[in-house]
C-alpha atoms as a PDB file:
ATOM      1  CA  MET A   1      10.512   9.612 -19.479  1.00  0.00           C
ATOM      2  CA  VAL A   2      12.597  12.507 -18.159  1.00  0.00           C
ATOM      3  CA  ILE A   3      14.715  12.711 -14.999  1.00  0.00           C
ATOM      4  CA  PRO A   4      14.622  16.506 -14.507  1.00  0.00           C
ATOM      5  CA  PHE A   5      16.682  16.945 -11.365  1.00  0.00           C
ATOM      6  CA  ALA A   6      19.802  15.551  -9.777  1.00  0.00           C
ATOM      7  CA  PRO A   7      18.969  12.494  -7.709  1.00  0.00           C
ATOM      8  CA  PRO A   8      18.538  13.207  -3.999  1.00  0.00           C
ATOM      9  CA  GLY A   9      21.247  10.749  -2.990  1.00  0.00           C
ATOM     10  CA  GLU A  10      19.021   8.714  -0.640  1.00  0.00           C
ATOM     11  CA  SER A  11      19.684   5.029  -0.223  1.00  0.00           C
ATOM     12  CA  GLY A  12      17.184   2.304  -1.198  1.00  0.00           C
ATOM     13  CA  MET A  13      14.981   1.860  -4.238  1.00  0.00           C
ATOM     14  CA  ILE A  14      11.459   2.823  -5.276  1.00  0.00           C
ATOM     15  CA  ALA A  15       9.457   0.171  -7.113  1.00  0.00           C
ATOM     16  CA  TYR A  16       6.672   1.650  -9.197  1.00  0.00           C
ATOM     17  CA  THR A  17       4.160   0.836 -11.907  1.00  0.00           C
ATOM     18  CA  ALA A  18       4.357   2.864 -15.101  1.00  0.00           C
ATOM     19  CA  ASN A  19       3.555   2.976 -18.780  1.00  0.00           C
ATOM     20  CA  TYR A  20       6.047   4.810 -20.956  1.00  0.00           C
ATOM     21  CA  GLY A  21       4.411   3.822 -24.218  1.00  0.00           C
ATOM     22  CA  GLU A  22       4.838   0.046 -24.255  1.00  0.00           C
ATOM     23  CA  GLY A  23       2.281  -0.985 -21.657  1.00  0.00           C
ATOM     24  CA  TYR A  24       2.331  -1.060 -17.886  1.00  0.00           C
ATOM     25  CA  ASP A  25       5.272  -2.709 -16.100  1.00  0.00           C
ATOM     26  CA  ILE A  26       7.179  -2.644 -12.826  1.00  0.00           C
ATOM     27  CA  TRP A  27      10.168  -0.281 -12.740  1.00  0.00           C
ATOM     28  CA  LEU A  28      12.876   0.532 -10.201  1.00  0.00           C
ATOM     29  CA  TYR A  29      14.169   4.002  -9.471  1.00  0.00           C
ATOM     30  CA  HIS A  30      17.423   4.440  -7.483  1.00  0.00           C
ATOM     31  CA  PRO A  31      17.388   7.739  -5.569  1.00  0.00           C
ATOM     32  CA  SER A  32      21.076   7.475  -4.808  1.00  0.00           C
ATOM     33  CA  PHE A  33      22.180   7.951  -8.405  1.00  0.00           C
ATOM     34  CA  GLY A  34      19.015   8.390 -10.495  1.00  0.00           C
ATOM     35  CA  GLU A  35      19.106   5.119 -12.428  1.00  0.00           C
ATOM     36  CA  ASN A  36      15.770   3.861 -13.740  1.00  0.00           C
ATOM     37  CA  VAL A  37      15.451   0.119 -14.490  1.00  0.00           C
ATOM     38  CA  ARG A  38      12.562  -1.760 -16.112  1.00  0.00           C
ATOM     39  CA  LEU A  39      11.975  -5.005 -14.179  1.00  0.00           C
ATOM     40  CA  THR A  40       9.213  -6.603 -16.269  1.00  0.00           C
ATOM     41  CA  THR A  41       8.131  -6.589 -19.911  1.00  0.00           C
ATOM     42  CA  GLY A  42       4.453  -6.815 -20.767  1.00  0.00           C
ATOM     43  CA  LEU A  43       3.405  -8.221 -17.359  1.00  0.00           C
ATOM     44  CA  GLY A  44       1.839  -5.219 -15.639  1.00  0.00           C
ATOM     45  CA  GLU A  45      -1.538  -3.584 -15.595  1.00  0.00           C
ATOM     46  CA  SER A  46      -2.642  -0.096 -14.538  1.00  0.00           C
ATOM     47  CA  PHE A  47      -3.873  -1.577 -11.258  1.00  0.00           C
ATOM     48  CA  SER A  48      -0.622  -3.427 -10.478  1.00  0.00           C
ATOM     49  CA  VAL A  49       0.933  -2.497  -7.104  1.00  0.00           C
ATOM     50  CA  PRO A  50       4.474  -3.658  -6.215  1.00  0.00           C
ATOM     51  CA  PHE A  51       4.932  -5.139  -2.739  1.00  0.00           C
ATOM     52  CA  TRP A  52       8.528  -5.437  -1.500  1.00  0.00           C
ATOM     53  CA  SER A  53       9.581  -8.431   0.599  1.00  0.00           C
ATOM     54  CA  PRO A  54      11.186  -7.451   3.935  1.00  0.00           C
ATOM     55  CA  ASP A  55      14.626  -8.567   2.707  1.00  0.00           C
ATOM     56  CA  SER A  56      14.257  -6.166  -0.289  1.00  0.00           C
ATOM     57  CA  ASN A  57      15.091  -8.918  -2.769  1.00  0.00           C
ATOM     58  CA  LYS A  58      11.633  -9.805  -4.084  1.00  0.00           C
ATOM     59  CA  ILE A  59       8.697  -7.869  -5.421  1.00  0.00           C
ATOM     60  CA  ALA A  60       5.200  -9.365  -5.673  1.00  0.00           C
ATOM     61  CA  PHE A  61       2.409  -7.875  -7.774  1.00  0.00           C
ATOM     62  CA  VAL A  62      -0.788  -8.827  -9.593  1.00  0.00           C
ATOM     63  CA  GLY A  63      -0.510  -8.126 -13.278  1.00  0.00           C
ATOM     64  CA  ARG A  64      -1.505  -9.209 -16.778  1.00  0.00           C
ATOM     65  CA  ASN A  65      -4.418 -11.678 -16.938  1.00  0.00           C
ATOM     66  CA  GLY A  66      -4.768 -11.501 -13.156  1.00  0.00           C
ATOM     67  CA  TYR A  67      -1.565 -13.451 -12.531  1.00  0.00           C
ATOM     68  CA  LEU A  68       0.259 -13.103  -9.221  1.00  0.00           C
ATOM     69  CA  TYR A  69       3.935 -12.566 -10.094  1.00  0.00           C
ATOM     70  CA  VAL A  70       7.110 -12.540  -7.968  1.00  0.00           C
ATOM     71  CA  VAL A  71      10.282 -10.874  -9.272  1.00  0.00           C
ATOM     72  CA  ASN A  72      13.608 -11.913  -7.749  1.00  0.00           C
ATOM     73  CA  LYS A  73      15.573  -8.672  -8.017  1.00  0.00           C
ATOM     74  CA  SER A  74      19.075 -10.134  -7.597  1.00  0.00           C
ATOM     75  CA  GLU A  75      18.535 -12.993 -10.062  1.00  0.00           C
ATOM     76  CA  GLY A  76      16.132 -11.293 -12.443  1.00  0.00           C
ATOM     77  CA  ALA A  77      13.868 -14.357 -12.356  1.00  0.00           C
ATOM     78  CA  ILE A  78      10.103 -13.895 -12.641  1.00  0.00           C
ATOM     79  CA  SER A  79       7.552 -16.526 -11.668  1.00  0.00           C
ATOM     80  CA  HIS A  80       3.777 -16.527 -11.569  1.00  0.00           C
ATOM     81  CA  LEU A  81       2.194 -18.192  -8.584  1.00  0.00           C
ATOM     82  CA  ASP A  82      -1.550 -17.822  -8.870  1.00  0.00           C
ATOM     83  CA  GLN A  83      -4.326 -16.214 -10.898  1.00  0.00           C
ATOM     84  CA  TYR A  84      -7.317 -14.068 -10.060  1.00  0.00           C
ATOM     85  CA  VAL A  85     -10.546 -13.534 -11.955  1.00  0.00           C
ATOM     86  CA  ASP A  86     -10.087  -9.819 -11.158  1.00  0.00           C
ATOM     87  CA  GLY A  87      -6.735  -8.732  -9.822  1.00  0.00           C
ATOM     88  CA  GLU A  88      -7.620  -5.131  -9.076  1.00  0.00           C
ATOM     89  CA  GLY A  89      -7.337  -4.066  -5.429  1.00  0.00           C
ATOM     90  CA  ILE A  90      -5.559  -7.225  -4.234  1.00  0.00           C
ATOM     91  CA  TYR A  91      -3.494  -6.661  -1.113  1.00  0.00           C
ATOM     92  CA  LEU A  92      -0.397  -8.886  -0.651  1.00  0.00           C
ATOM     93  CA  SER A  93       1.501  -9.346   2.600  1.00  0.00           C
ATOM     94  CA  TRP A  94       4.988 -10.834   2.916  1.00  0.00           C
ATOM     95  CA  SER A  95       5.872 -12.898   5.988  1.00  0.00           C
ATOM     96  CA  PRO A  96       8.674 -11.338   8.057  1.00  0.00           C
ATOM     97  CA  ASP A  97      11.157 -13.938   6.731  1.00  0.00           C
ATOM     98  CA  SER A  98      10.301 -12.996   3.125  1.00  0.00           C
ATOM     99  CA  GLN A  99       9.313 -16.569   2.271  1.00  0.00           C
ATOM    100  CA  THR A 100       5.517 -16.655   2.306  1.00  0.00           C
ATOM    101  CA  LEU A 101       2.848 -14.446   0.738  1.00  0.00           C
ATOM    102  CA  ALA A 102      -0.495 -14.079   2.453  1.00  0.00           C
ATOM    103  CA  TYR A 103      -3.561 -12.926   0.500  1.00  0.00           C
ATOM    104  CA  ALA A 104      -7.275 -13.550   0.062  1.00  0.00           C
ATOM    105  CA  LYS A 105      -8.859 -15.289  -2.899  1.00  0.00           C
ATOM    106  CA  GLN A 106     -12.325 -16.817  -3.493  1.00  0.00           C
ATOM    107  CA  ASN A 107     -13.383 -17.035   0.147  1.00  0.00           C
ATOM    108  CA  GLU A 108     -10.014 -18.353   1.280  1.00  0.00           C
ATOM    109  CA  ILE A 109      -6.911 -17.055   2.927  1.00  0.00           C
ATOM    110  CA  ILE A 110      -3.906 -18.283   0.941  1.00  0.00           C
ATOM    111  CA  LEU A 111      -0.406 -18.756   2.351  1.00  0.00           C
ATOM    112  CA  TYR A 112       2.002 -19.345  -0.565  1.00  0.00           C
ATOM    113  CA  HIS A 113       5.602 -20.315   0.118  1.00  0.00           C
ATOM    114  CA  VAL A 114       7.459 -18.781  -2.811  1.00  0.00           C
ATOM    115  CA  LEU A 115      10.459 -21.137  -2.751  1.00  0.00           C
ATOM    116  CA  SER A 116       8.779 -24.509  -2.215  1.00  0.00           C
ATOM    117  CA  HIS A 117       5.504 -23.511  -3.928  1.00  0.00           C
ATOM    118  CA  GLN A 118       3.608 -25.159  -1.109  1.00  0.00           C
ATOM    119  CA  VAL A 119       0.152 -23.677  -0.550  1.00  0.00           C
ATOM    120  CA  GLN A 120      -1.920 -23.602   2.608  1.00  0.00           C
ATOM    121  CA  ARG A 121      -5.597 -22.635   2.413  1.00  0.00           C
ATOM    122  CA  ILE A 122      -7.768 -21.348   5.242  1.00  0.00           C
ATOM    123  CA  ALA A 123     -11.485 -21.165   4.494  1.00  0.00           C
ATOM    124  CA  GLN A 124     -12.723 -17.651   5.235  1.00  0.00           C
ATOM    125  CA  PRO A 125     -15.681 -16.168   3.309  1.00  0.00           C
ATOM    126  CA  ALA A 126     -15.319 -12.553   2.180  1.00  0.00           C
ATOM    127  CA  ALA A 127     -11.825 -12.097   3.634  1.00  0.00           C
ATOM    128  CA  THR A 128      -9.730  -9.104   2.474  1.00  0.00           C
ATOM    129  CA  ASP A 129      -6.619  -7.262   3.561  1.00  0.00           C
ATOM    130  CA  VAL A 130      -4.840 -10.329   4.954  1.00  0.00           C
ATOM    131  CA  GLN A 131      -1.615  -9.339   6.743  1.00  0.00           C
ATOM    132  CA  TRP A 132       1.043 -10.994   8.863  1.00  0.00           C
ATOM    133  CA  PHE A 133       1.570 -10.008  12.450  1.00  0.00           C
ATOM    134  CA  PRO A 134       5.287  -9.451  13.156  1.00  0.00           C
ATOM    135  CA  SER A 135       5.360 -12.641  15.204  1.00  0.00           C
ATOM    136  CA  SER A 136       4.879 -14.683  11.990  1.00  0.00           C
ATOM    137  CA  THR A 137       2.392 -16.888  13.842  1.00  0.00           C
ATOM    138  CA  GLU A 138      -0.825 -14.902  13.276  1.00  0.00           C
ATOM    139  CA  LEU A 139      -2.672 -13.093  10.563  1.00  0.00           C
ATOM    140  CA  LEU A 140      -4.984 -10.056  10.559  1.00  0.00           C
ATOM    141  CA  PHE A 141      -7.856  -9.785   8.084  1.00  0.00           C
ATOM    142  CA  GLN A 142     -11.204  -8.113   7.371  1.00  0.00           C
ATOM    143  CA  ALA A 143     -14.324 -10.230   6.894  1.00  0.00           C
ATOM    144  CA  THR A 144     -18.009 -10.188   7.783  1.00  0.00           C
ATOM    145  CA  ASP A 145     -19.465 -11.609  10.974  1.00  0.00           C
ATOM    146  CA  ARG A 146     -22.566 -13.781  11.161  1.00  0.00           C
ATOM    147  CA  ALA A 147     -24.773 -10.708  10.767  1.00  0.00           C
ATOM    148  CA  GLY A 148     -22.948  -9.694   7.550  1.00  0.00           C
ATOM    149  CA  ILE A 149     -21.189  -6.744   9.203  1.00  0.00           C
ATOM    150  CA  SER A 150     -17.558  -5.929   8.425  1.00  0.00           C
ATOM    151  CA  GLN A 151     -15.172  -6.810  11.315  1.00  0.00           C
ATOM    152  CA  LEU A 152     -11.477  -7.312  11.906  1.00  0.00           C
ATOM    153  CA  PHE A 153     -10.206 -10.733  12.958  1.00  0.00           C
ATOM    154  CA  ARG A 154      -6.957 -12.402  13.850  1.00  0.00           C
ATOM    155  CA  ILE A 155      -6.167 -16.064  13.297  1.00  0.00           C
ATOM    156  CA  ARG A 156      -3.188 -18.383  13.711  1.00  0.00           C
ATOM    157  CA  LYS A 157      -1.423 -19.341  10.511  1.00  0.00           C
ATOM    158  CA  ASP A 158      -2.546 -22.944  10.891  1.00  0.00           C
ATOM    159  CA  GLY A 159      -6.192 -21.767  10.705  1.00  0.00           C
ATOM    160  CA  THR A 160      -6.966 -22.158  14.397  1.00  0.00           C
ATOM    161  CA  GLY A 161      -7.679 -19.607  17.129  1.00  0.00           C
ATOM    162  CA  LYS A 162      -9.788 -17.205  15.122  1.00  0.00           C
ATOM    163  CA  ARG A 163     -10.738 -14.151  17.216  1.00  0.00           C
ATOM    164  CA  GLN A 164     -12.884 -11.128  16.392  1.00  0.00           C
ATOM    165  CA  ILE A 165     -11.134  -7.908  17.539  1.00  0.00           C
ATOM    166  CA  THR A 166     -13.778  -5.311  16.657  1.00  0.00           C
ATOM    167  CA  GLN A 167     -17.409  -4.792  17.487  1.00  0.00           C
ATOM    168  CA  ASN A 168     -18.522  -2.832  14.418  1.00  0.00           C
ATOM    169  CA  THR A 169     -22.263  -2.251  13.985  1.00  0.00           C
ATOM    170  CA  SER A 170     -22.575  -0.632  10.565  1.00  0.00           C
ATOM    171  CA  THR A 171     -20.056   0.537   7.996  1.00  0.00           C
ATOM    172  CA  ARG A 172     -17.399  -1.438   6.108  1.00  0.00           C
ATOM    173  CA  TYR A 173     -13.698  -1.460   6.957  1.00  0.00           C
ATOM    174  CA  ASN A 174     -11.602  -0.551   3.884  1.00  0.00           C
ATOM    175  CA  SER A 175      -7.894  -0.321   3.233  1.00  0.00           C
ATOM    176  CA  VAL A 176      -7.037  -2.051   6.510  1.00  0.00           C
ATOM    177  CA  ARG A 177      -3.372  -1.650   7.453  1.00  0.00           C
ATOM    178  CA  LEU A 178      -1.658  -3.268  10.426  1.00  0.00           C
ATOM    179  CA  SER A 179       1.154  -1.250  11.950  1.00  0.00           C
ATOM    180  CA  PRO A 180       4.647  -2.762  11.586  1.00  0.00           C
ATOM    181  CA  ASN A 181       4.835  -3.396  15.351  1.00  0.00           C
ATOM    182  CA  GLY A 182       1.490  -5.214  15.304  1.00  0.00           C
ATOM    183  CA  ALA A 183      -0.085  -2.957  17.927  1.00  0.00           C
ATOM    184  CA  TYR A 184      -2.448  -0.805  15.863  1.00  0.00           C
ATOM    185  CA  VAL A 185      -4.680  -0.992  12.839  1.00  0.00           C
ATOM    186  CA  LEU A 186      -5.797   1.863  10.609  1.00  0.00           C
ATOM    187  CA  TYR A 187      -8.659   1.647   8.166  1.00  0.00           C
ATOM    188  CA  THR A 188     -10.962   3.878   6.124  1.00  0.00           C
ATOM    189  CA  THR A 189     -14.758   3.900   6.188  1.00  0.00           C
ATOM    190  CA  PRO A 190     -17.491   3.989   4.938  1.00  0.00           C
ATOM    191  CA  GLY A 191     -16.640   4.068   1.203  1.00  0.00           C
ATOM    192  CA  ALA A 192     -15.047   5.975  -1.654  1.00  0.00           C
ATOM    193  CA  SER A 193     -17.052   9.179  -1.764  1.00  0.00           C
ATOM    194  CA  ILE A 194     -16.625   9.738   1.973  1.00  0.00           C
ATOM    195  CA  SER A 195     -13.494   8.097   3.370  1.00  0.00           C
ATOM    196  CA  LEU A 196     -12.608   8.681   7.013  1.00  0.00           C
ATOM    197  CA  ILE A 197      -9.492   7.292   8.676  1.00  0.00           C
ATOM    198  CA  TYR A 198      -9.632   5.531  12.077  1.00  0.00           C
ATOM    199  CA  ILE A 199      -6.858   4.068  14.202  1.00  0.00           C
ATOM    200  CA  LEU A 200      -7.570   1.103  16.488  1.00  0.00           C
ATOM    201  CA  GLU A 201      -5.316   0.077  19.347  1.00  0.00           C
ATOM    202  CA  ILE A 202      -5.678  -3.694  19.319  1.00  0.00           C
ATOM    203  CA  SER A 203      -4.892  -4.384  22.991  1.00  0.00           C
ATOM    204  CA  THR A 204      -7.389  -1.856  24.419  1.00  0.00           C
ATOM    205  CA  GLY A 205      -9.944  -1.385  21.644  1.00  0.00           C
ATOM    206  CA  ASN A 206      -9.419   2.372  21.809  1.00  0.00           C
ATOM    207  CA  LEU A 207     -10.459   4.035  18.553  1.00  0.00           C
ATOM    208  CA  VAL A 208      -9.266   7.407  17.230  1.00  0.00           C
ATOM    209  CA  GLU A 209     -10.569   9.299  14.196  1.00  0.00           C
ATOM    210  CA  LEU A 210      -8.142  11.430  12.225  1.00  0.00           C
ATOM    211  CA  ARG A 211      -9.373  14.889  11.358  1.00  0.00           C
ATOM    212  CA  GLY A 212      -8.358  14.294   7.760  1.00  0.00           C
ATOM    213  CA  GLY A 213      -8.582  16.509   4.697  1.00  0.00           C
ATOM    214  CA  PRO A 214     -11.214  19.235   4.205  1.00  0.00           C
ATOM    215  CA  LEU A 215     -13.577  17.115   2.041  1.00  0.00           C
ATOM    216  CA  ALA A 216     -13.530  13.907   4.097  1.00  0.00           C
ATOM    217  CA  LYS A 217     -11.941  12.127   1.154  1.00  0.00           C
ATOM    218  CA  ASN A 218      -8.850  10.463   2.653  1.00  0.00           C
ATOM    219  CA  TYR A 219      -7.009   7.693   0.809  1.00  0.00           C
ATOM    220  CA  PHE A 220      -3.753   5.714   0.610  1.00  0.00           C
ATOM    221  CA  SER A 221      -3.036   5.776   4.338  1.00  0.00           C
ATOM    222  CA  GLU A 222       0.239   4.098   5.319  1.00  0.00           C
ATOM    223  CA  TRP A 223       2.172   3.494   8.537  1.00  0.00           C
ATOM    224  CA  SER A 224       5.742   4.667   9.009  1.00  0.00           C
ATOM    225  CA  PRO A 225       8.281   1.854   9.491  1.00  0.00           C
ATOM    226  CA  ASP A 226       8.499   2.587  13.236  1.00  0.00           C
ATOM    227  CA  SER A 227       4.684   2.639  13.670  1.00  0.00           C
ATOM    228  CA  SER A 228       4.742   6.169  15.094  1.00  0.00           C
ATOM    229  CA  THR A 229       3.302   8.118  12.170  1.00  0.00           C
ATOM    230  CA  ILE A 230       0.656   7.806   9.468  1.00  0.00           C
ATOM    231  CA  THR A 231       0.665   9.456   6.057  1.00  0.00           C
ATOM    232  CA  TYR A 232      -2.314   9.775   3.735  1.00  0.00           C
ATOM    233  CA  SER A 233      -3.691  11.705   0.763  1.00  0.00           C
ATOM    234  CA  GLY A 234      -6.449  14.161   1.675  1.00  0.00           C
ATOM    235  CA  THR A 235      -8.451  15.529  -1.272  1.00  0.00           C
ATOM    236  CA  ALA A 236      -9.038  19.288  -1.422  1.00  0.00           C
ATOM    237  CA  PHE A 237     -10.729  21.654  -3.875  1.00  0.00           C
ATOM    238  CA  GLU A 238     -10.301  25.215  -5.097  1.00  0.00           C
ATOM    239  CA  ASN A 239     -11.525  27.093  -8.143  1.00  0.00           C
ATOM    240  CA  VAL A 240      -8.700  25.469 -10.147  1.00  0.00           C
ATOM    241  CA  GLY A 241     -10.070  21.995  -9.450  1.00  0.00           C
ATOM    242  CA  TYR A 242      -9.239  19.066  -7.163  1.00  0.00           C
ATOM    243  CA  PHE A 243      -5.816  18.356  -5.719  1.00  0.00           C
ATOM    244  CA  SER A 244      -4.557  16.362  -2.730  1.00  0.00           C
ATOM    245  CA  LEU A 245      -2.711  17.215   0.431  1.00  0.00           C
ATOM    246  CA  ILE A 246       0.153  14.921   1.509  1.00  0.00           C
ATOM    247  CA  ARG A 247      -0.522  14.799   5.245  1.00  0.00           C
ATOM    248  CA  ILE A 248       1.028  13.090   8.274  1.00  0.00           C
ATOM    249  CA  SER A 249      -0.281  12.392  11.783  1.00  0.00           C
ATOM    250  CA  GLY A 250       0.893  10.730  14.936  1.00  0.00           C
ATOM    251  CA  TRP A 251      -0.469   7.279  15.742  1.00  0.00           C
ATOM    252  CA  GLN A 252      -3.029   8.786  18.139  1.00  0.00           C
ATOM    253  CA  GLY A 253      -4.239  11.292  15.566  1.00  0.00           C
ATOM    254  CA  GLU A 254      -2.120  14.102  17.020  1.00  0.00           C
ATOM    255  CA  ASN A 255      -0.103  16.766  15.170  1.00  0.00           C
ATOM    256  CA  GLU A 256      -1.869  16.420  11.824  1.00  0.00           C
ATOM    257  CA  ARG A 257      -0.193  18.601   9.220  1.00  0.00           C
ATOM    258  CA  THR A 258       0.320  18.961   5.482  1.00  0.00           C
ATOM    259  CA  ARG A 259       3.825  18.317   4.118  1.00  0.00           C
ATOM    260  CA  ALA A 260       3.298  18.586   0.351  1.00  0.00           C
ATOM    261  CA  ILE A 261       0.648  19.000  -2.353  1.00  0.00           C
ATOM    262  CA  SER A 262      -0.119  16.754  -5.359  1.00  0.00           C
ATOM    263  CA  SER A 263      -2.086  17.850  -8.426  1.00  0.00           C
ATOM    264  CA  CYS A 264      -3.979  14.513  -8.326  1.00  0.00           C
ATOM    265  CA  PHE A 265      -7.449  14.006  -6.814  1.00  0.00           C
ATOM    266  CA  ALA A 266      -5.827  11.309  -4.619  1.00  0.00           C
ATOM    267  CA  THR A 267      -2.301   9.967  -4.747  1.00  0.00           C
ATOM    268  CA  PRO A 268      -0.406   6.909  -3.498  1.00  0.00           C
ATOM    269  CA  ILE A 269       2.247   7.695  -0.883  1.00  0.00           C
ATOM    270  CA  THR A 270       5.065   5.535   0.421  1.00  0.00           C
ATOM    271  CA  TRP A 271       7.650   5.745   3.237  1.00  0.00           C
ATOM    272  CA  SER A 272      11.349   5.205   2.863  1.00  0.00           C
ATOM    273  CA  PRO A 273      12.593   2.309   5.045  1.00  0.00           C
ATOM    274  CA  ASP A 274      14.242   4.760   7.471  1.00  0.00           C
ATOM    275  CA  GLY A 275      11.073   6.822   7.819  1.00  0.00           C
ATOM    276  CA  ARG A 276      12.760  10.071   6.840  1.00  0.00           C
ATOM    277  CA  ASN A 277      11.227  10.452   3.402  1.00  0.00           C
ATOM    278  CA  LEU A 278       7.907  10.253   1.599  1.00  0.00           C
ATOM    279  CA  ALA A 279       7.556   9.557  -2.120  1.00  0.00           C
ATOM    280  CA  PHE A 280       4.292  10.350  -3.884  1.00  0.00           C
ATOM    281  CA  LEU A 281       2.780  10.854  -7.349  1.00  0.00           C
ATOM    282  CA  SER A 282       1.569  14.061  -8.987  1.00  0.00           C
ATOM    283  CA  GLY A 283       1.158  15.518 -12.462  1.00  0.00           C
ATOM    284  CA  CYS A 284      -2.472  14.502 -13.022  1.00  0.00           C
ATOM    285  CA  ASN A 285      -3.846  16.515 -15.919  1.00  0.00           C
ATOM    286  CA  ASN A 286      -7.640  16.848 -15.718  1.00  0.00           C
ATOM    287  CA  GLN A 287      -7.569  14.208 -13.001  1.00  0.00           C
ATOM    288  CA  GLY A 288      -6.063  11.583 -15.280  1.00  0.00           C
ATOM    289  CA  SER A 289      -3.161   9.331 -14.409  1.00  0.00           C
ATOM    290  CA  ALA A 290      -0.110  10.748 -12.647  1.00  0.00           C
ATOM    291  CA  SER A 291       2.969  11.523 -14.678  1.00  0.00           C
ATOM    292  CA  GLU A 292       5.369  12.621 -11.953  1.00  0.00           C
ATOM    293  CA  MET A 293       7.101  11.123  -8.930  1.00  0.00           C
ATOM    294  CA  TRP A 294       8.238  13.354  -6.068  1.00  0.00           C
ATOM    295  CA  LEU A 295      10.150  12.846  -2.834  1.00  0.00           C
ATOM    296  CA  ILE A 296      10.118  14.977   0.314  1.00  0.00           C
ATOM    297  CA  ASN A 297      12.535  14.702   3.227  1.00  0.00           C
ATOM    298  CA  LEU A 298      10.482  15.352   6.353  1.00  0.00           C
ATOM    299  CA  LEU A 299      13.335  17.311   7.900  1.00  0.00           C
ATOM    300  CA  HIS A 300      13.974  19.570   4.934  1.00  0.00           C
ATOM    301  CA  HIS A 301      10.389  20.201   3.773  1.00  0.00           C
ATOM    302  CA  VAL A 302      11.291  20.825   0.133  1.00  0.00           C
ATOM    303  CA  PRO A 303       9.742  18.361  -2.400  1.00  0.00           C
ATOM    304  CA  ILE A 304      12.094  17.115  -5.107  1.00  0.00           C
ATOM    305  CA  GLN A 305      10.846  15.874  -8.455  1.00  0.00           C
ATOM    306  CA  LEU A 306      12.355  12.450  -9.308  1.00  0.00           C
ATOM    307  CA  LEU A 307      10.670  11.504 -12.566  1.00  0.00           C
ATOM    308  CA  THR A 308       8.295  12.923 -15.135  1.00  0.00           C
ATOM    309  CA  GLY A 309       6.640  11.367 -18.193  1.00  0.00           C
ATOM    310  CA  GLY A 310       4.357   8.495 -19.070  1.00  0.00           C
ATOM    311  CA  PHE A 311       1.612   7.252 -16.777  1.00  0.00           C
ATOM    312  CA  ILE A 312       2.501   6.207 -13.204  1.00  0.00           C
ATOM    313  CA  THR A 313      -0.084   4.470 -11.053  1.00  0.00           C
ATOM    314  CA  ALA A 314       1.615   2.997  -7.951  1.00  0.00           C
ATOM    315  CA  LEU A 315       4.834   3.086  -5.981  1.00  0.00           C
ATOM    316  CA  GLN A 316       6.491   1.539  -2.918  1.00  0.00           C
END
């Protein structure tokens, strides 16, 4: 692991998944002074994704043996809450008060209170992408309707009041992400080889398609903290091979533009809490795992390399 440049001096922390020769684990990078801290030992997997709690004190992730772990950053305590048969691709959502995790498992929506370890289960076949609305009283999720077609639903946290909010007739909704203000949903469809990004305004049902990258391969879409902007990775191709464009767009699909380039086929991207910066991965040799972490300030337009070395697979 090498830290090649002076740290950018930004506040906050970046949690990321990396393997520096001793297996995958969760690490913390401090942009303010460049310190790099290993949070776990032997608990991560290449598919592990760290999910920060809103109070920035806890990190949840699915790791070794499919266990769902929570790391208390201030205390250093690590607990495992649950276990999956296959933990890859699991999306975790923290409640606004940082006390309860919402996720889907075995045809159920699980609400796990991390302090009391009380568990509430809501039967919901084929549910994915469970997320809290900012009100803390409702959840958004993807599931199939009676005809087996992918739809988006909302439901109260006590399991009542389920409502279908889309009228999809064909393709599946993937990578569903609720905006922080609870007003919009973005998702990709139909699959991996062709992945188009759509934005749904929940109150009106209005749907907007982003223009996206040149190959219609758009991944890792994320809302800005103020719900005004979307970032995503758009795959492109030249005679040197595949790479990805780090792009941003307004919430109505307006003003799409490229802000940086990654050498990876597709790369995870994450917003800083103040919405001024994007961090992303690069350094994919022959389309392997990333080995670099970069940051770009959206006002200054010059990417800064934060880390290089090892294998890095996720960041937030």
